[in-house]
N, C-alpha and C. Protein backbone atom coordinates (compact mmCIF):
# COMPACT_ATOMS: atom_id res chain seq x y z
N MET A 1 -58.49 -30.46 15.52
CA MET A 1 -57.53 -31.13 16.38
C MET A 1 -57.08 -32.42 15.71
N PHE A 2 -55.77 -32.67 15.72
CA PHE A 2 -55.21 -33.86 15.09
C PHE A 2 -55.51 -35.11 15.91
N ALA A 3 -55.89 -36.17 15.21
CA ALA A 3 -56.06 -37.50 15.83
C ALA A 3 -55.59 -38.52 14.80
N LEU A 4 -54.83 -39.50 15.26
CA LEU A 4 -54.34 -40.56 14.39
C LEU A 4 -55.49 -41.47 14.01
N ASP A 5 -55.57 -41.82 12.73
CA ASP A 5 -56.60 -42.73 12.24
C ASP A 5 -56.52 -44.04 13.03
N PRO A 6 -57.66 -44.57 13.48
CA PRO A 6 -57.65 -45.80 14.28
C PRO A 6 -56.98 -46.99 13.60
N ARG A 7 -57.06 -47.07 12.27
CA ARG A 7 -56.40 -48.19 11.58
C ARG A 7 -54.89 -48.08 11.65
N LEU A 8 -54.37 -46.85 11.54
CA LEU A 8 -52.93 -46.67 11.71
C LEU A 8 -52.52 -46.97 13.15
N GLN A 9 -53.33 -46.53 14.08
CA GLN A 9 -53.05 -46.78 15.49
C GLN A 9 -53.01 -48.28 15.78
N GLN A 10 -53.91 -49.02 15.17
CA GLN A 10 -54.01 -50.47 15.39
C GLN A 10 -52.84 -51.22 14.77
N ASP A 11 -52.36 -50.78 13.61
CA ASP A 11 -51.37 -51.54 12.84
C ASP A 11 -49.93 -51.10 13.04
N THR A 12 -49.70 -50.08 13.87
CA THR A 12 -48.36 -49.52 14.01
C THR A 12 -47.99 -49.29 15.47
N GLN A 13 -46.73 -48.96 15.66
CA GLN A 13 -46.24 -48.51 16.96
C GLN A 13 -45.62 -47.14 16.79
N LEU A 14 -45.92 -46.24 17.69
CA LEU A 14 -45.34 -44.90 17.63
C LEU A 14 -43.86 -44.98 18.00
N VAL A 15 -43.02 -44.43 17.12
CA VAL A 15 -41.59 -44.37 17.38
C VAL A 15 -41.24 -43.01 17.99
N GLY A 16 -41.82 -41.95 17.43
CA GLY A 16 -41.53 -40.61 17.93
C GLY A 16 -42.05 -39.55 16.98
N ASP A 17 -41.52 -38.34 17.13
CA ASP A 17 -42.02 -37.21 16.36
C ASP A 17 -40.91 -36.38 15.76
N PHE A 18 -41.09 -36.05 14.49
CA PHE A 18 -40.33 -35.00 13.83
C PHE A 18 -41.09 -33.70 14.06
N PRO A 19 -40.58 -32.55 13.61
CA PRO A 19 -41.33 -31.31 13.82
C PRO A 19 -42.76 -31.34 13.26
N LEU A 20 -42.98 -31.96 12.11
CA LEU A 20 -44.32 -32.02 11.52
C LEU A 20 -44.99 -33.37 11.72
N CYS A 21 -44.25 -34.43 11.53
CA CYS A 21 -44.85 -35.77 11.43
C CYS A 21 -44.57 -36.64 12.64
N SER A 22 -45.55 -37.49 12.92
CA SER A 22 -45.31 -38.61 13.83
C SER A 22 -44.71 -39.74 13.00
N LEU A 23 -43.74 -40.43 13.58
CA LEU A 23 -43.10 -41.56 12.92
C LEU A 23 -43.63 -42.84 13.54
N LEU A 24 -44.22 -43.68 12.69
CA LEU A 24 -44.81 -44.94 13.12
C LEU A 24 -44.02 -46.09 12.50
N LEU A 25 -43.99 -47.21 13.20
CA LEU A 25 -43.41 -48.44 12.69
C LEU A 25 -44.54 -49.41 12.42
N MET A 26 -44.69 -49.82 11.17
CA MET A 26 -45.71 -50.81 10.82
C MET A 26 -45.36 -52.11 11.52
N ASN A 27 -46.35 -52.74 12.11
CA ASN A 27 -46.10 -53.97 12.87
C ASN A 27 -46.05 -55.18 11.93
N GLU A 28 -45.04 -55.15 11.07
CA GLU A 28 -44.78 -56.21 10.08
C GLU A 28 -43.27 -56.41 10.01
N SER A 29 -42.80 -57.43 10.69
CA SER A 29 -41.35 -57.58 10.90
C SER A 29 -40.58 -58.08 9.68
N ARG A 30 -41.25 -58.41 8.60
CA ARG A 30 -40.52 -58.85 7.41
C ARG A 30 -39.77 -57.70 6.73
N TYR A 31 -40.23 -56.46 6.98
CA TYR A 31 -39.67 -55.30 6.30
C TYR A 31 -39.56 -54.15 7.29
N PRO A 32 -38.47 -53.40 7.30
CA PRO A 32 -38.46 -52.14 8.05
C PRO A 32 -39.40 -51.17 7.30
N TRP A 33 -40.60 -51.00 7.84
CA TRP A 33 -41.67 -50.27 7.16
C TRP A 33 -42.15 -49.18 8.10
N PHE A 34 -41.89 -47.95 7.71
CA PHE A 34 -42.22 -46.80 8.55
C PHE A 34 -43.28 -45.95 7.86
N ILE A 35 -44.01 -45.20 8.67
CA ILE A 35 -45.06 -44.33 8.17
C ILE A 35 -44.92 -42.97 8.84
N LEU A 36 -44.90 -41.93 8.04
CA LEU A 36 -44.90 -40.56 8.54
C LEU A 36 -46.31 -40.00 8.41
N VAL A 37 -46.82 -39.43 9.49
CA VAL A 37 -48.16 -38.85 9.47
C VAL A 37 -48.07 -37.39 9.92
N PRO A 38 -48.35 -36.44 9.02
CA PRO A 38 -48.34 -35.04 9.43
C PRO A 38 -49.41 -34.82 10.52
N ARG A 39 -49.03 -34.13 11.58
CA ARG A 39 -49.97 -33.86 12.66
C ARG A 39 -50.81 -32.64 12.31
N ARG A 40 -51.66 -32.83 11.33
CA ARG A 40 -52.59 -31.80 10.88
C ARG A 40 -53.97 -32.45 10.76
N ALA A 41 -54.98 -31.75 11.24
CA ALA A 41 -56.34 -32.29 11.25
C ALA A 41 -56.94 -32.30 9.85
N GLU A 42 -57.66 -33.37 9.57
CA GLU A 42 -58.49 -33.49 8.37
C GLU A 42 -57.73 -33.23 7.07
N VAL A 43 -56.55 -33.82 6.95
CA VAL A 43 -55.76 -33.70 5.73
C VAL A 43 -55.64 -35.09 5.13
N SER A 44 -56.06 -35.21 3.87
CA SER A 44 -55.97 -36.50 3.20
C SER A 44 -55.09 -36.45 1.95
N GLU A 45 -54.74 -35.27 1.49
CA GLU A 45 -53.95 -35.12 0.27
C GLU A 45 -52.78 -34.16 0.51
N LEU A 46 -51.68 -34.39 -0.20
CA LEU A 46 -50.51 -33.52 -0.07
C LEU A 46 -50.84 -32.06 -0.32
N PHE A 47 -51.66 -31.79 -1.32
CA PHE A 47 -51.95 -30.41 -1.69
C PHE A 47 -52.81 -29.69 -0.65
N GLN A 48 -53.35 -30.41 0.33
CA GLN A 48 -54.10 -29.77 1.40
C GLN A 48 -53.20 -29.18 2.48
N LEU A 49 -51.93 -29.55 2.47
CA LEU A 49 -50.96 -28.93 3.38
C LEU A 49 -50.55 -27.59 2.80
N ASP A 50 -50.28 -26.61 3.66
CA ASP A 50 -49.77 -25.35 3.13
C ASP A 50 -48.34 -25.58 2.61
N GLY A 51 -47.83 -24.61 1.89
CA GLY A 51 -46.53 -24.77 1.24
C GLY A 51 -45.40 -25.10 2.20
N GLU A 52 -45.39 -24.46 3.35
CA GLU A 52 -44.34 -24.73 4.34
C GLU A 52 -44.42 -26.17 4.85
N ASP A 53 -45.64 -26.65 5.13
CA ASP A 53 -45.81 -28.03 5.59
C ASP A 53 -45.46 -29.04 4.49
N GLN A 54 -45.76 -28.72 3.23
CA GLN A 54 -45.37 -29.60 2.14
C GLN A 54 -43.85 -29.75 2.10
N GLN A 55 -43.15 -28.64 2.21
CA GLN A 55 -41.68 -28.69 2.20
C GLN A 55 -41.14 -29.44 3.41
N GLN A 56 -41.75 -29.24 4.58
CA GLN A 56 -41.30 -29.93 5.79
C GLN A 56 -41.55 -31.43 5.68
N LEU A 57 -42.69 -31.83 5.13
CA LEU A 57 -42.98 -33.25 4.93
C LEU A 57 -41.92 -33.86 4.02
N TRP A 58 -41.57 -33.17 2.96
CA TRP A 58 -40.58 -33.70 2.04
C TRP A 58 -39.21 -33.79 2.71
N ARG A 59 -38.83 -32.78 3.52
CA ARG A 59 -37.55 -32.83 4.24
C ARG A 59 -37.52 -34.02 5.19
N GLU A 60 -38.60 -34.23 5.93
CA GLU A 60 -38.65 -35.34 6.88
C GLU A 60 -38.64 -36.68 6.16
N THR A 61 -39.36 -36.77 5.04
CA THR A 61 -39.41 -38.01 4.27
C THR A 61 -38.05 -38.36 3.70
N THR A 62 -37.39 -37.40 3.08
CA THR A 62 -36.10 -37.70 2.46
C THR A 62 -35.04 -37.98 3.52
N ALA A 63 -35.06 -37.26 4.64
CA ALA A 63 -34.10 -37.53 5.72
C ALA A 63 -34.31 -38.93 6.28
N LEU A 64 -35.57 -39.31 6.48
CA LEU A 64 -35.86 -40.64 6.99
C LEU A 64 -35.44 -41.71 5.99
N ALA A 65 -35.77 -41.53 4.72
CA ALA A 65 -35.42 -42.52 3.70
C ALA A 65 -33.91 -42.70 3.62
N GLU A 66 -33.16 -41.61 3.66
CA GLU A 66 -31.70 -41.70 3.60
C GLU A 66 -31.16 -42.42 4.84
N THR A 67 -31.69 -42.08 5.99
CA THR A 67 -31.27 -42.73 7.24
C THR A 67 -31.55 -44.22 7.21
N LEU A 68 -32.75 -44.60 6.77
CA LEU A 68 -33.13 -46.02 6.73
C LEU A 68 -32.32 -46.79 5.70
N LYS A 69 -32.06 -46.17 4.56
CA LYS A 69 -31.27 -46.85 3.52
C LYS A 69 -29.91 -47.27 4.08
N ASP A 70 -29.28 -46.36 4.79
CA ASP A 70 -27.97 -46.66 5.37
C ASP A 70 -28.09 -47.61 6.56
N ALA A 71 -29.04 -47.35 7.46
CA ALA A 71 -29.15 -48.13 8.69
C ALA A 71 -29.55 -49.59 8.44
N PHE A 72 -30.32 -49.83 7.37
CA PHE A 72 -30.83 -51.17 7.10
C PHE A 72 -30.29 -51.77 5.80
N SER A 73 -29.28 -51.14 5.22
CA SER A 73 -28.63 -51.66 4.00
C SER A 73 -29.65 -51.98 2.90
N ALA A 74 -30.47 -51.00 2.57
CA ALA A 74 -31.52 -51.19 1.58
C ALA A 74 -30.94 -51.31 0.17
N ASP A 75 -31.58 -52.15 -0.63
CA ASP A 75 -31.31 -52.17 -2.07
C ASP A 75 -32.14 -51.10 -2.77
N LYS A 76 -33.32 -50.83 -2.21
CA LYS A 76 -34.25 -49.85 -2.78
C LYS A 76 -35.12 -49.31 -1.67
N MET A 77 -35.42 -48.02 -1.72
CA MET A 77 -36.36 -47.42 -0.78
C MET A 77 -37.69 -47.18 -1.51
N ASN A 78 -38.78 -47.65 -0.93
CA ASN A 78 -40.11 -47.38 -1.47
C ASN A 78 -40.72 -46.26 -0.64
N VAL A 79 -41.08 -45.17 -1.31
CA VAL A 79 -41.66 -44.00 -0.66
C VAL A 79 -42.93 -43.66 -1.41
N ALA A 80 -44.07 -43.61 -0.67
CA ALA A 80 -45.33 -43.36 -1.36
C ALA A 80 -46.43 -42.91 -0.41
N THR A 81 -47.34 -42.10 -0.94
CA THR A 81 -48.60 -41.85 -0.26
C THR A 81 -49.66 -42.60 -1.05
N LEU A 82 -50.44 -43.40 -0.38
CA LEU A 82 -51.48 -44.17 -1.08
C LEU A 82 -52.84 -43.79 -0.52
N GLY A 83 -53.17 -44.27 0.66
CA GLY A 83 -54.37 -43.82 1.34
C GLY A 83 -55.68 -44.26 0.74
N ASN A 84 -55.71 -45.38 0.05
CA ASN A 84 -56.99 -45.85 -0.47
C ASN A 84 -57.86 -46.46 0.62
N VAL A 85 -57.25 -47.01 1.65
CA VAL A 85 -57.99 -47.58 2.77
C VAL A 85 -58.03 -46.61 3.93
N VAL A 86 -56.87 -46.04 4.27
CA VAL A 86 -56.77 -45.03 5.33
C VAL A 86 -56.72 -43.67 4.65
N GLY A 87 -57.76 -42.87 4.85
CA GLY A 87 -57.86 -41.59 4.18
C GLY A 87 -56.90 -40.53 4.72
N GLN A 88 -56.46 -40.66 5.95
CA GLN A 88 -55.55 -39.67 6.54
C GLN A 88 -54.23 -39.67 5.78
N LEU A 89 -53.73 -38.48 5.47
CA LEU A 89 -52.46 -38.37 4.76
C LEU A 89 -51.36 -39.06 5.55
N HIS A 90 -50.67 -39.98 4.90
CA HIS A 90 -49.54 -40.66 5.51
C HIS A 90 -48.58 -41.10 4.41
N MET A 91 -47.29 -41.06 4.74
CA MET A 91 -46.24 -41.39 3.79
C MET A 91 -45.57 -42.69 4.21
N HIS A 92 -45.61 -43.68 3.33
CA HIS A 92 -44.92 -44.95 3.58
C HIS A 92 -43.46 -44.79 3.19
N VAL A 93 -42.56 -45.24 4.06
CA VAL A 93 -41.13 -45.24 3.77
C VAL A 93 -40.66 -46.66 4.13
N ILE A 94 -40.41 -47.46 3.10
CA ILE A 94 -40.19 -48.90 3.29
C ILE A 94 -38.82 -49.30 2.75
N VAL A 95 -38.08 -49.99 3.61
CA VAL A 95 -36.78 -50.54 3.21
C VAL A 95 -37.03 -51.83 2.44
N ARG A 96 -36.48 -51.91 1.24
CA ARG A 96 -36.61 -53.13 0.44
C ARG A 96 -35.23 -53.71 0.18
N ARG A 97 -35.19 -55.02 0.27
CA ARG A 97 -33.97 -55.77 -0.04
C ARG A 97 -34.34 -56.87 -1.02
N ARG A 98 -33.42 -57.19 -1.90
CA ARG A 98 -33.69 -58.21 -2.92
C ARG A 98 -34.08 -59.55 -2.30
N GLU A 99 -33.61 -59.82 -1.09
CA GLU A 99 -33.94 -61.10 -0.46
C GLU A 99 -35.19 -61.03 0.43
N ASP A 100 -35.91 -59.89 0.45
CA ASP A 100 -37.08 -59.84 1.32
C ASP A 100 -38.21 -60.71 0.76
N ALA A 101 -39.15 -61.05 1.61
CA ALA A 101 -40.19 -62.04 1.32
C ALA A 101 -41.06 -61.69 0.11
N ALA A 102 -41.24 -60.42 -0.17
CA ALA A 102 -42.15 -60.02 -1.24
C ALA A 102 -41.43 -59.51 -2.50
N TRP A 103 -40.14 -59.37 -2.46
CA TRP A 103 -39.39 -58.78 -3.58
C TRP A 103 -39.71 -59.48 -4.88
N PRO A 104 -39.96 -58.77 -5.96
CA PRO A 104 -40.00 -57.33 -6.13
C PRO A 104 -41.40 -56.75 -6.03
N ALA A 105 -42.36 -57.54 -5.62
CA ALA A 105 -43.76 -57.10 -5.51
C ALA A 105 -43.94 -56.13 -4.34
N PRO A 106 -45.09 -55.44 -4.28
CA PRO A 106 -45.38 -54.59 -3.12
C PRO A 106 -45.45 -55.41 -1.84
N VAL A 107 -45.22 -54.76 -0.70
CA VAL A 107 -45.20 -55.46 0.57
C VAL A 107 -46.59 -55.70 1.15
N TRP A 108 -47.57 -54.85 0.82
CA TRP A 108 -48.88 -54.99 1.44
C TRP A 108 -49.72 -56.05 0.76
N GLY A 109 -50.46 -56.78 1.58
CA GLY A 109 -51.40 -57.77 1.08
C GLY A 109 -50.78 -59.08 0.65
N LYS A 110 -49.48 -59.21 0.72
CA LYS A 110 -48.81 -60.42 0.26
C LYS A 110 -48.93 -61.55 1.28
N PHE A 111 -48.74 -61.21 2.57
CA PHE A 111 -48.77 -62.19 3.66
C PHE A 111 -49.56 -61.63 4.83
N ALA A 112 -49.98 -62.51 5.71
CA ALA A 112 -50.52 -62.05 6.99
C ALA A 112 -49.37 -61.40 7.75
N PRO A 113 -49.63 -60.29 8.44
CA PRO A 113 -48.54 -59.61 9.16
C PRO A 113 -47.84 -60.52 10.17
N GLU A 114 -46.55 -60.33 10.26
CA GLU A 114 -45.72 -61.04 11.23
C GLU A 114 -45.23 -59.99 12.23
N PRO A 115 -45.92 -59.85 13.38
CA PRO A 115 -45.62 -58.75 14.31
C PRO A 115 -44.21 -58.81 14.88
N TYR A 116 -43.72 -57.63 15.25
CA TYR A 116 -42.44 -57.50 15.91
C TYR A 116 -42.53 -57.97 17.35
N SER A 117 -41.44 -58.49 17.86
CA SER A 117 -41.31 -58.73 19.30
C SER A 117 -40.88 -57.42 19.95
N ALA A 118 -41.05 -57.31 21.25
CA ALA A 118 -40.60 -56.12 21.97
C ALA A 118 -39.10 -55.91 21.80
N GLU A 119 -38.34 -57.00 21.74
CA GLU A 119 -36.89 -56.91 21.57
C GLU A 119 -36.53 -56.36 20.19
N GLN A 120 -37.26 -56.78 19.17
CA GLN A 120 -37.00 -56.27 17.82
C GLN A 120 -37.29 -54.78 17.74
N VAL A 121 -38.39 -54.35 18.35
CA VAL A 121 -38.74 -52.92 18.33
C VAL A 121 -37.65 -52.12 19.04
N GLU A 122 -37.19 -52.60 20.16
CA GLU A 122 -36.14 -51.90 20.90
C GLU A 122 -34.85 -51.83 20.07
N ALA A 123 -34.52 -52.89 19.35
CA ALA A 123 -33.33 -52.89 18.50
C ALA A 123 -33.46 -51.84 17.39
N ILE A 124 -34.64 -51.71 16.81
CA ILE A 124 -34.87 -50.70 15.77
C ILE A 124 -34.75 -49.31 16.37
N ARG A 125 -35.37 -49.08 17.51
CA ARG A 125 -35.29 -47.78 18.17
C ARG A 125 -33.83 -47.43 18.46
N SER A 126 -33.05 -48.40 18.94
CA SER A 126 -31.64 -48.16 19.24
C SER A 126 -30.86 -47.80 17.98
N ARG A 127 -31.12 -48.55 16.91
CA ARG A 127 -30.43 -48.28 15.64
C ARG A 127 -30.75 -46.88 15.14
N LEU A 128 -32.02 -46.49 15.21
CA LEU A 128 -32.42 -45.17 14.74
C LEU A 128 -31.89 -44.08 15.66
N GLY A 129 -31.81 -44.37 16.95
CA GLY A 129 -31.33 -43.38 17.90
C GLY A 129 -29.91 -42.93 17.62
N LEU A 130 -29.15 -43.76 16.96
CA LEU A 130 -27.77 -43.43 16.64
C LEU A 130 -27.65 -42.48 15.45
N VAL A 131 -28.71 -42.40 14.62
CA VAL A 131 -28.56 -41.66 13.37
C VAL A 131 -29.59 -40.54 13.14
N LEU A 132 -30.71 -40.54 13.85
CA LEU A 132 -31.69 -39.48 13.64
C LEU A 132 -31.19 -38.18 14.25
N GLY A 133 -31.55 -37.09 13.62
CA GLY A 133 -31.03 -35.79 14.05
C GLY A 133 -31.68 -35.24 15.30
N ASN A 134 -31.26 -34.06 15.66
CA ASN A 134 -31.76 -33.39 16.86
C ASN A 134 -33.22 -32.97 16.75
N ASP A 135 -33.76 -32.92 15.54
CA ASP A 135 -35.15 -32.53 15.36
C ASP A 135 -36.12 -33.65 15.71
N PHE A 136 -35.60 -34.84 16.00
CA PHE A 136 -36.45 -35.99 16.26
C PHE A 136 -36.53 -36.25 17.76
N ARG A 137 -37.77 -36.50 18.26
CA ARG A 137 -37.99 -36.86 19.66
C ARG A 137 -38.60 -38.25 19.71
N PHE A 138 -37.97 -39.17 20.42
CA PHE A 138 -38.53 -40.51 20.58
C PHE A 138 -39.73 -40.44 21.50
N ALA A 139 -40.72 -41.31 21.22
CA ALA A 139 -41.91 -41.42 22.07
C ALA A 139 -41.50 -42.02 23.41
N GLU A 140 -42.22 -41.64 24.44
CA GLU A 140 -42.02 -42.26 25.76
C GLU A 140 -42.45 -43.70 25.69
N GLU A 141 -41.69 -44.57 26.31
CA GLU A 141 -42.04 -45.98 26.26
C GLU A 141 -42.97 -46.33 27.38
């Protein structure tokens, strides 16, 4: 049975669900930083997903990255699976801009997190609601 890693649960807000992945918003307002988590139990590596799920993860990742690049005027999209601290398979999709606080360095570990306000989260949800496809379901608020 799928369960979200407690560290991801603590550090993020659920935005909604694609067919395979839950979409989370990292609670760090300096960067539009999203995380896709395949809803599959005990998966820590891409190769542990079956072929169909691997393709679906890639479709969801690329669709999200393209949407975010346009919606947030990104200079560069950072897309990666790392998982050295959180073992559960998750894909980071981060909007980077040349003027962001950490540019060009990685976003993690640079500063103490600066959490989003409820208004900022709602603004992000509204922006995404205009561009995400029919396959996406927003989480109940």
